[in-house]
PDB file of N, CA and C in Angstrom:
ATOM      1  N   UNK A   1    -233.881  -0.984 -42.369  1.00  0.00           N
ATOM      2  CA  UNK A   1    -232.522  -1.135 -41.889  1.00  0.00           C
ATOM      3  C   UNK A   1    -232.421  -0.538 -40.488  1.00  0.00           C
ATOM      4  N   UNK A   2    -231.709  -1.205 -39.624  1.00  0.00           N
ATOM      5  CA  UNK A   2    -231.498  -0.719 -38.256  1.00  0.00           C
ATOM      6  C   UNK A   2    -230.243   0.145 -38.229  1.00  0.00           C
ATOM      7  N   UNK A   3    -230.373   1.299 -37.582  1.00  0.00           N
ATOM      8  CA  UNK A   3    -229.244   2.220 -37.433  1.00  0.00           C
ATOM      9  C   UNK A   3    -228.936   2.402 -35.950  1.00  0.00           C
ATOM     10  N   UNK A   4    -227.660   2.550 -35.639  1.00  0.00           N
ATOM     11  CA  UNK A   4    -227.242   2.912 -34.282  1.00  0.00           C
ATOM     12  C   UNK A   4    -226.977   4.408 -34.343  1.00  0.00           C
ATOM     13  N   UNK A   5    -227.790   5.179 -33.625  1.00  0.00           N
ATOM     14  CA  UNK A   5    -227.712   6.633 -33.756  1.00  0.00           C
ATOM     15  C   UNK A   5    -227.994   7.332 -32.435  1.00  0.00           C
ATOM     16  N   UNK A   6    -227.870   8.662 -32.466  1.00  0.00           N
ATOM     17  CA  UNK A   6    -228.081   9.482 -31.275  1.00  0.00           C
ATOM     18  C   UNK A   6    -229.527   9.952 -31.207  1.00  0.00           C
ATOM     19  N   UNK A   7    -230.050  10.006 -29.989  1.00  0.00           N
ATOM     20  CA  UNK A   7    -231.383  10.534 -29.729  1.00  0.00           C
ATOM     21  C   UNK A   7    -231.213  11.667 -28.727  1.00  0.00           C
ATOM     22  N   UNK A   8    -231.634  12.885 -29.114  1.00  0.00           N
ATOM     23  CA  UNK A   8    -231.346  14.073 -28.305  1.00  0.00           C
ATOM     24  C   UNK A   8    -232.309  14.221 -27.132  1.00  0.00           C
ATOM     25  N   UNK A   9    -231.740  14.551 -25.979  1.00  0.00           N
ATOM     26  CA  UNK A   9    -232.488  14.876 -24.772  1.00  0.00           C
ATOM     27  C   UNK A   9    -231.844  16.098 -24.149  1.00  0.00           C
ATOM     28  N   UNK A  10    -232.365  16.551 -23.020  1.00  0.00           N
ATOM     29  CA  UNK A  10    -231.795  17.693 -22.325  1.00  0.00           C
ATOM     30  C   UNK A  10    -232.563  18.957 -22.622  1.00  0.00           C
ATOM     31  N   UNK A  11    -232.052  20.053 -22.088  1.00  0.00           N
ATOM     32  CA  UNK A  11    -232.715  21.326 -22.313  1.00  0.00           C
ATOM     33  C   UNK A  11    -231.962  22.136 -23.360  1.00  0.00           C
ATOM     34  N   UNK A  12    -232.489  23.309 -23.647  1.00  0.00           N
ATOM     35  CA  UNK A  12    -231.896  24.158 -24.665  1.00  0.00           C
ATOM     36  C   UNK A  12    -230.451  24.501 -24.316  1.00  0.00           C
ATOM     37  N   UNK A  13    -229.565  24.349 -25.261  1.00  0.00           N
ATOM     38  CA  UNK A  13    -228.125  24.619 -25.134  1.00  0.00           C
ATOM     39  C   UNK A  13    -227.417  23.711 -24.125  1.00  0.00           C
ATOM     40  N   UNK A  14    -228.072  22.643 -23.724  1.00  0.00           N
ATOM     41  CA  UNK A  14    -227.465  21.674 -22.815  1.00  0.00           C
ATOM     42  C   UNK A  14    -227.892  20.270 -23.243  1.00  0.00           C
ATOM     43  N   UNK A  15    -227.402  19.821 -24.396  1.00  0.00           N
ATOM     44  CA  UNK A  15    -227.871  18.534 -24.919  1.00  0.00           C
ATOM     45  C   UNK A  15    -227.284  17.337 -24.178  1.00  0.00           C
ATOM     46  N   UNK A  16    -228.017  16.256 -24.247  1.00  0.00           N
ATOM     47  CA  UNK A  16    -227.630  14.967 -23.692  1.00  0.00           C
ATOM     48  C   UNK A  16    -228.165  13.955 -24.686  1.00  0.00           C
ATOM     49  N   UNK A  17    -227.364  12.994 -25.066  1.00  0.00           N
ATOM     50  CA  UNK A  17    -227.785  12.063 -26.106  1.00  0.00           C
ATOM     51  C   UNK A  17    -227.825  10.631 -25.600  1.00  0.00           C
ATOM     52  N   UNK A  18    -228.837   9.902 -26.018  1.00  0.00           N
ATOM     53  CA  UNK A  18    -228.875   8.461 -25.828  1.00  0.00           C
ATOM     54  C   UNK A  18    -228.388   7.830 -27.118  1.00  0.00           C
ATOM     55  N   UNK A  19    -227.675   6.725 -27.002  1.00  0.00           N
ATOM     56  CA  UNK A  19    -227.272   5.958 -28.173  1.00  0.00           C
ATOM     57  C   UNK A  19    -228.275   4.823 -28.285  1.00  0.00           C
ATOM     58  N   UNK A  20    -229.027   4.818 -29.382  1.00  0.00           N
ATOM     59  CA  UNK A  20    -230.115   3.865 -29.533  1.00  0.00           C
ATOM     60  C   UNK A  20    -229.996   3.107 -30.846  1.00  0.00           C
ATOM     61  N   UNK A  21    -230.622   1.938 -30.880  1.00  0.00           N
ATOM     62  CA  UNK A  21    -230.816   1.195 -32.115  1.00  0.00           C
ATOM     63  C   UNK A  21    -232.235   1.488 -32.561  1.00  0.00           C
ATOM     64  N   UNK A  22    -232.394   1.972 -33.779  1.00  0.00           N
ATOM     65  CA  UNK A  22    -233.713   2.357 -34.266  1.00  0.00           C
ATOM     66  C   UNK A  22    -233.816   2.058 -35.749  1.00  0.00           C
ATOM     67  N   UNK A  23    -235.044   1.892 -36.213  1.00  0.00           N
ATOM     68  CA  UNK A  23    -235.287   1.722 -37.638  1.00  0.00           C
ATOM     69  C   UNK A  23    -234.925   3.029 -38.336  1.00  0.00           C
ATOM     70  N   UNK A  24    -234.313   2.945 -39.490  1.00  0.00           N
ATOM     71  CA  UNK A  24    -233.850   4.147 -40.184  1.00  0.00           C
ATOM     72  C   UNK A  24    -235.009   5.031 -40.635  1.00  0.00           C
ATOM     73  N   UNK A  25    -236.218   4.481 -40.730  1.00  0.00           N
ATOM     74  CA  UNK A  25    -237.368   5.270 -41.174  1.00  0.00           C
ATOM     75  C   UNK A  25    -238.029   6.046 -40.044  1.00  0.00           C
ATOM     76  N   UNK A  26    -237.692   5.752 -38.797  1.00  0.00           N
ATOM     77  CA  UNK A  26    -238.312   6.454 -37.669  1.00  0.00           C
ATOM     78  C   UNK A  26    -237.617   7.799 -37.449  1.00  0.00           C
ATOM     79  N   UNK A  27    -238.348   8.789 -36.894  1.00  0.00           N
ATOM     80  CA  UNK A  27    -237.734  10.099 -36.664  1.00  0.00           C
ATOM     81  C   UNK A  27    -236.622  10.050 -35.620  1.00  0.00           C
ATOM     82  N   UNK A  28    -235.811  11.089 -35.599  1.00  0.00           N
ATOM     83  CA  UNK A  28    -234.636  11.120 -34.716  1.00  0.00           C
ATOM     84  C   UNK A  28    -234.991  10.849 -33.259  1.00  0.00           C
ATOM     85  N   UNK A  29    -236.020  11.490 -32.764  1.00  0.00           N
ATOM     86  CA  UNK A  29    -236.408  11.316 -31.365  1.00  0.00           C
ATOM     87  C   UNK A  29    -237.631  10.414 -31.222  1.00  0.00           C
ATOM     88  N   UNK A  30    -237.896   9.605 -32.233  1.00  0.00           N
ATOM     89  CA  UNK A  30    -239.072   8.740 -32.224  1.00  0.00           C
ATOM     90  C   UNK A  30    -238.800   7.365 -31.655  1.00  0.00           C
ATOM     91  N   UNK A  31    -239.489   6.382 -32.222  1.00  0.00           N
ATOM     92  CA  UNK A  31    -239.399   5.015 -31.721  1.00  0.00           C
ATOM     93  C   UNK A  31    -237.996   4.460 -31.869  1.00  0.00           C
ATOM     94  N   UNK A  32    -237.640   3.612 -30.913  1.00  0.00           N
ATOM     95  CA  UNK A  32    -236.348   2.946 -30.973  1.00  0.00           C
ATOM     96  C   UNK A  32    -236.519   1.517 -30.506  1.00  0.00           C
ATOM     97  N   UNK A  33    -235.536   0.678 -30.805  1.00  0.00           N
ATOM     98  CA  UNK A  33    -235.580  -0.732 -30.433  1.00  0.00           C
ATOM     99  C   UNK A  33    -234.944  -0.931 -29.064  1.00  0.00           C
ATOM    100  N   UNK A  34    -233.770  -0.325 -28.865  1.00  0.00           N
ATOM    101  CA  UNK A  34    -233.034  -0.548 -27.618  1.00  0.00           C
ATOM    102  C   UNK A  34    -232.095   0.622 -27.342  1.00  0.00           C
ATOM    103  N   UNK A  35    -231.944   0.969 -26.071  1.00  0.00           N
ATOM    104  CA  UNK A  35    -230.954   1.969 -25.644  1.00  0.00           C
ATOM    105  C   UNK A  35    -229.677   1.208 -25.308  1.00  0.00           C
ATOM    106  N   UNK A  36    -228.567   1.580 -25.955  1.00  0.00           N
ATOM    107  CA  UNK A  36    -227.312   0.868 -25.687  1.00  0.00           C
ATOM    108  C   UNK A  36    -226.241   1.752 -25.053  1.00  0.00           C
ATOM    109  N   UNK A  37    -226.541   3.030 -24.837  1.00  0.00           N
ATOM    110  CA  UNK A  37    -225.556   3.889 -24.194  1.00  0.00           C
ATOM    111  C   UNK A  37    -226.020   5.330 -24.113  1.00  0.00           C
ATOM    112  N   UNK A  38    -225.119   6.205 -23.676  1.00  0.00           N
ATOM    113  CA  UNK A  38    -225.402   7.631 -23.621  1.00  0.00           C
ATOM    114  C   UNK A  38    -224.113   8.433 -23.789  1.00  0.00           C
ATOM    115  N   UNK A  39    -224.304   9.721 -24.149  1.00  0.00           N
ATOM    116  CA  UNK A  39    -223.172  10.630 -24.355  1.00  0.00           C
ATOM    117  C   UNK A  39    -223.568  12.012 -23.867  1.00  0.00           C
ATOM    118  N   UNK A  40    -222.738  12.582 -23.017  1.00  0.00           N
ATOM    119  CA  UNK A  40    -222.937  13.939 -22.529  1.00  0.00           C
ATOM    120  C   UNK A  40    -221.756  14.772 -23.019  1.00  0.00           C
ATOM    121  N   UNK A  41    -221.938  15.563 -24.085  1.00  0.00           N
ATOM    122  CA  UNK A  41    -220.808  16.318 -24.641  1.00  0.00           C
ATOM    123  C   UNK A  41    -220.300  17.425 -23.721  1.00  0.00           C
ATOM    124  N   UNK A  42    -221.140  17.972 -22.857  1.00  0.00           N
ATOM    125  CA  UNK A  42    -220.703  19.037 -21.944  1.00  0.00           C
ATOM    126  C   UNK A  42    -219.716  18.504 -20.910  1.00  0.00           C
ATOM    127  N   UNK A  43    -220.046  17.364 -20.296  1.00  0.00           N
ATOM    128  CA  UNK A  43    -219.176  16.780 -19.272  1.00  0.00           C
ATOM    129  C   UNK A  43    -218.216  15.748 -19.850  1.00  0.00           C
ATOM    130  N   UNK A  44    -218.285  15.534 -21.157  1.00  0.00           N
ATOM    131  CA  UNK A  44    -217.416  14.594 -21.873  1.00  0.00           C
ATOM    132  C   UNK A  44    -217.514  13.178 -21.303  1.00  0.00           C
ATOM    133  N   UNK A  45    -218.751  12.736 -21.087  1.00  0.00           N
ATOM    134  CA  UNK A  45    -219.017  11.383 -20.602  1.00  0.00           C
ATOM    135  C   UNK A  45    -219.591  10.572 -21.752  1.00  0.00           C
ATOM    136  N   UNK A  46    -218.975   9.437 -22.025  1.00  0.00           N
ATOM    137  CA  UNK A  46    -219.446   8.538 -23.078  1.00  0.00           C
ATOM    138  C   UNK A  46    -219.490   7.137 -22.500  1.00  0.00           C
ATOM    139  N   UNK A  47    -220.644   6.507 -22.569  1.00  0.00           N
ATOM    140  CA  UNK A  47    -220.813   5.162 -22.025  1.00  0.00           C
ATOM    141  C   UNK A  47    -221.632   4.348 -23.019  1.00  0.00           C
ATOM    142  N   UNK A  48    -221.135   3.168 -23.375  1.00  0.00           N
ATOM    143  CA  UNK A  48    -221.850   2.304 -24.306  1.00  0.00           C
ATOM    144  C   UNK A  48    -221.705   0.862 -23.844  1.00  0.00           C
ATOM    145  N   UNK A  49    -222.759   0.094 -24.014  1.00  0.00           N
ATOM    146  CA  UNK A  49    -222.742  -1.326 -23.691  1.00  0.00           C
ATOM    147  C   UNK A  49    -222.061  -2.042 -24.858  1.00  0.00           C
ATOM    148  N   UNK A  50    -220.813  -2.448 -24.673  1.00  0.00           N
ATOM    149  CA  UNK A  50    -220.014  -3.025 -25.762  1.00  0.00           C
ATOM    150  C   UNK A  50    -220.640  -4.288 -26.334  1.00  0.00           C
ATOM    151  N   UNK A  51    -221.167  -5.146 -25.450  1.00  0.00           N
ATOM    152  CA  UNK A  51    -221.743  -6.410 -25.907  1.00  0.00           C
ATOM    153  C   UNK A  51    -222.939  -6.170 -26.823  1.00  0.00           C
ATOM    154  N   UNK A  52    -223.803  -5.212 -26.445  1.00  0.00           N
ATOM    155  CA  UNK A  52    -224.987  -4.932 -27.263  1.00  0.00           C
ATOM    156  C   UNK A  52    -224.589  -4.216 -28.559  1.00  0.00           C
ATOM    157  N   UNK A  53    -223.568  -3.371 -28.509  1.00  0.00           N
ATOM    158  CA  UNK A  53    -223.084  -2.706 -29.723  1.00  0.00           C
ATOM    159  C   UNK A  53    -222.585  -3.748 -30.721  1.00  0.00           C
ATOM    160  N   UNK A  54    -221.773  -4.685 -30.247  1.00  0.00           N
ATOM    161  CA  UNK A  54    -221.256  -5.747 -31.118  1.00  0.00           C
ATOM    162  C   UNK A  54    -222.400  -6.608 -31.638  1.00  0.00           C
ATOM    163  N   UNK A  55    -223.359  -6.927 -30.756  1.00  0.00           N
ATOM    164  CA  UNK A  55    -224.521  -7.732 -31.152  1.00  0.00           C
ATOM    165  C   UNK A  55    -225.251  -7.087 -32.327  1.00  0.00           C
ATOM    166  N   UNK A  56    -225.536  -5.786 -32.236  1.00  0.00           N
ATOM    167  CA  UNK A  56    -226.280  -5.113 -33.298  1.00  0.00           C
ATOM    168  C   UNK A  56    -225.449  -4.969 -34.573  1.00  0.00           C
ATOM    169  N   UNK A  57    -224.151  -4.760 -34.443  1.00  0.00           N
ATOM    170  CA  UNK A  57    -223.284  -4.693 -35.624  1.00  0.00           C
ATOM    171  C   UNK A  57    -223.295  -6.037 -36.348  1.00  0.00           C
ATOM    172  N   UNK A  58    -223.226  -7.130 -35.595  1.00  0.00           N
ATOM    173  CA  UNK A  58    -223.257  -8.464 -36.200  1.00  0.00           C
ATOM    174  C   UNK A  58    -224.595  -8.753 -36.863  1.00  0.00           C
ATOM    175  N   UNK A  59    -225.661  -8.136 -36.384  1.00  0.00           N
ATOM    176  CA  UNK A  59    -226.993  -8.329 -36.965  1.00  0.00           C
ATOM    177  C   UNK A  59    -227.225  -7.428 -38.177  1.00  0.00           C
ATOM    178  N   UNK A  60    -226.233  -6.610 -38.524  1.00  0.00           N
ATOM    179  CA  UNK A  60    -226.338  -5.780 -39.725  1.00  0.00           C
ATOM    180  C   UNK A  60    -226.703  -4.333 -39.476  1.00  0.00           C
ATOM    181  N   UNK A  61    -226.740  -3.896 -38.229  1.00  0.00           N
ATOM    182  CA  UNK A  61    -227.048  -2.494 -37.928  1.00  0.00           C
ATOM    183  C   UNK A  61    -225.888  -1.613 -38.384  1.00  0.00           C
ATOM    184  N   UNK A  62    -226.224  -0.449 -38.910  1.00  0.00           N
ATOM    185  CA  UNK A  62    -225.226   0.489 -39.400  1.00  0.00           C
ATOM    186  C   UNK A  62    -225.113   1.668 -38.433  1.00  0.00           C
ATOM    187  N   UNK A  63    -223.947   1.908 -37.825  1.00  0.00           N
ATOM    188  CA  UNK A  63    -223.808   3.097 -36.970  1.00  0.00           C
ATOM    189  C   UNK A  63    -223.719   4.353 -37.832  1.00  0.00           C
ATOM    190  N   UNK A  64    -224.259   5.452 -37.321  1.00  0.00           N
ATOM    191  CA  UNK A  64    -224.124   6.715 -38.032  1.00  0.00           C
ATOM    192  C   UNK A  64    -222.670   7.166 -37.937  1.00  0.00           C
ATOM    193  N   UNK A  65    -222.306   8.130 -38.752  1.00  0.00           N
ATOM    194  CA  UNK A  65    -220.926   8.626 -38.761  1.00  0.00           C
ATOM    195  C   UNK A  65    -220.521   9.162 -37.387  1.00  0.00           C
ATOM    196  N   UNK A  66    -221.436   9.865 -36.724  1.00  0.00           N
ATOM    197  CA  UNK A  66    -221.119  10.442 -35.420  1.00  0.00           C
ATOM    198  C   UNK A  66    -220.897   9.351 -34.381  1.00  0.00           C
ATOM    199  N   UNK A  67    -221.769   8.353 -34.345  1.00  0.00           N
ATOM    200  CA  UNK A  67    -221.609   7.264 -33.376  1.00  0.00           C
ATOM    201  C   UNK A  67    -220.313   6.512 -33.643  1.00  0.00           C
ATOM    202  N   UNK A  68    -220.019   6.263 -34.899  1.00  0.00           N
ATOM    203  CA  UNK A  68    -218.786   5.553 -35.249  1.00  0.00           C
ATOM    204  C   UNK A  68    -217.552   6.343 -34.805  1.00  0.00           C
ATOM    205  N   UNK A  69    -217.563   7.662 -35.013  1.00  0.00           N
ATOM    206  CA  UNK A  69    -216.413   8.471 -34.601  1.00  0.00           C
ATOM    207  C   UNK A  69    -216.316   8.574 -33.078  1.00  0.00           C
ATOM    208  N   UNK A  70    -217.451   8.590 -32.374  1.00  0.00           N
ATOM    209  CA  UNK A  70    -217.414   8.602 -30.906  1.00  0.00           C
ATOM    210  C   UNK A  70    -216.789   7.327 -30.369  1.00  0.00           C
ATOM    211  N   UNK A  71    -217.173   6.192 -30.926  1.00  0.00           N
ATOM    212  CA  UNK A  71    -216.611   4.909 -30.487  1.00  0.00           C
ATOM    213  C   UNK A  71    -215.107   4.893 -30.740  1.00  0.00           C
ATOM    214  N   UNK A  72    -214.694   5.433 -31.875  1.00  0.00           N
ATOM    215  CA  UNK A  72    -213.271   5.465 -32.210  1.00  0.00           C
ATOM    216  C   UNK A  72    -212.521   6.458 -31.321  1.00  0.00           C
ATOM    217  N   UNK A  73    -213.069   7.664 -31.125  1.00  0.00           N
ATOM    218  CA  UNK A  73    -212.379   8.709 -30.359  1.00  0.00           C
ATOM    219  C   UNK A  73    -212.270   8.387 -28.878  1.00  0.00           C
ATOM    220  N   UNK A  74    -213.277   7.742 -28.317  1.00  0.00           N
ATOM    221  CA  UNK A  74    -213.232   7.385 -26.905  1.00  0.00           C
ATOM    222  C   UNK A  74    -212.545   6.041 -26.684  1.00  0.00           C
ATOM    223  N   UNK A  75    -212.034   5.437 -27.754  1.00  0.00           N
ATOM    224  CA  UNK A  75    -211.228   4.209 -27.694  1.00  0.00           C
ATOM    225  C   UNK A  75    -211.914   3.123 -26.869  1.00  0.00           C
ATOM    226  N   UNK A  76    -213.151   2.846 -27.223  1.00  0.00           N
ATOM    227  CA  UNK A  76    -213.968   1.884 -26.485  1.00  0.00           C
ATOM    228  C   UNK A  76    -213.384   0.485 -26.548  1.00  0.00           C
ATOM    229  N   UNK A  77    -212.897   0.076 -27.705  1.00  0.00           N
ATOM    230  CA  UNK A  77    -212.450  -1.298 -27.874  1.00  0.00           C
ATOM    231  C   UNK A  77    -210.943  -1.469 -27.733  1.00  0.00           C
ATOM    232  N   UNK A  78    -210.177  -0.406 -27.636  1.00  0.00           N
ATOM    233  CA  UNK A  78    -208.726  -0.527 -27.486  1.00  0.00           C
ATOM    234  C   UNK A  78    -208.339  -0.974 -26.086  1.00  0.00           C
ATOM    235  N   UNK A  79    -209.150  -0.677 -25.091  1.00  0.00           N
ATOM    236  CA  UNK A  79    -208.848  -1.069 -23.714  1.00  0.00           C
ATOM    237  C   UNK A  79    -208.833  -2.580 -23.571  1.00  0.00           C
ATOM    238  N   UNK A  80    -209.770  -3.254 -24.230  1.00  0.00           N
ATOM    239  CA  UNK A  80    -209.837  -4.717 -24.155  1.00  0.00           C
ATOM    240  C   UNK A  80    -208.630  -5.363 -24.813  1.00  0.00           C
ATOM    241  N   UNK A  81    -208.245  -4.871 -25.993  1.00  0.00           N
ATOM    242  CA  UNK A  81    -207.151  -5.498 -26.729  1.00  0.00           C
ATOM    243  C   UNK A  81    -205.812  -5.306 -26.012  1.00  0.00           C
ATOM    244  N   UNK A  82    -205.602  -4.167 -25.350  1.00  0.00           N
ATOM    245  CA  UNK A  82    -204.340  -3.950 -24.636  1.00  0.00           C
ATOM    246  C   UNK A  82    -204.259  -4.824 -23.386  1.00  0.00           C
ATOM    247  N   UNK A  83    -205.376  -5.107 -22.742  1.00  0.00           N
ATOM    248  CA  UNK A  83    -205.375  -5.968 -21.567  1.00  0.00           C
ATOM    249  C   UNK A  83    -205.144  -7.419 -21.948  1.00  0.00           C
ATOM    250  N   UNK A  84    -205.682  -7.853 -23.071  1.00  0.00           N
ATOM    251  CA  UNK A  84    -205.531  -9.249 -23.473  1.00  0.00           C
ATOM    252  C   UNK A  84    -204.110  -9.553 -23.950  1.00  0.00           C
ATOM    253  N   UNK A  85    -203.353  -8.536 -24.407  1.00  0.00           N
ATOM    254  CA  UNK A  85    -201.990  -8.751 -24.870  1.00  0.00           C
ATOM    255  C   UNK A  85    -201.017  -8.894 -23.705  1.00  0.00           C
ATOM    256  N   UNK A  86    -201.366  -8.371 -22.537  1.00  0.00           N
ATOM    257  CA  UNK A  86    -200.471  -8.420 -21.367  1.00  0.00           C
ATOM    258  C   UNK A  86    -200.323  -9.812 -20.815  1.00  0.00           C
TER     259      UNK A  86
END
């Protein structure tokens, strides 16, 4: 099963995460299929490729709880819907 999850980078006490699509059996920082975004919790920067996120969701990829809450909290998809209603 493919999971959309975080892959940790950065130095000690200064994490930086990539949002990747990876097989659920691979280790957290191991092999991945594709990088679709990044998150910097210190500077509160969250960036994700919406088209690739939707593509992987449609293909059956399961986002982890943290990735799902980040997408919801940063309101990634609400910006599009409010613009289309205008």
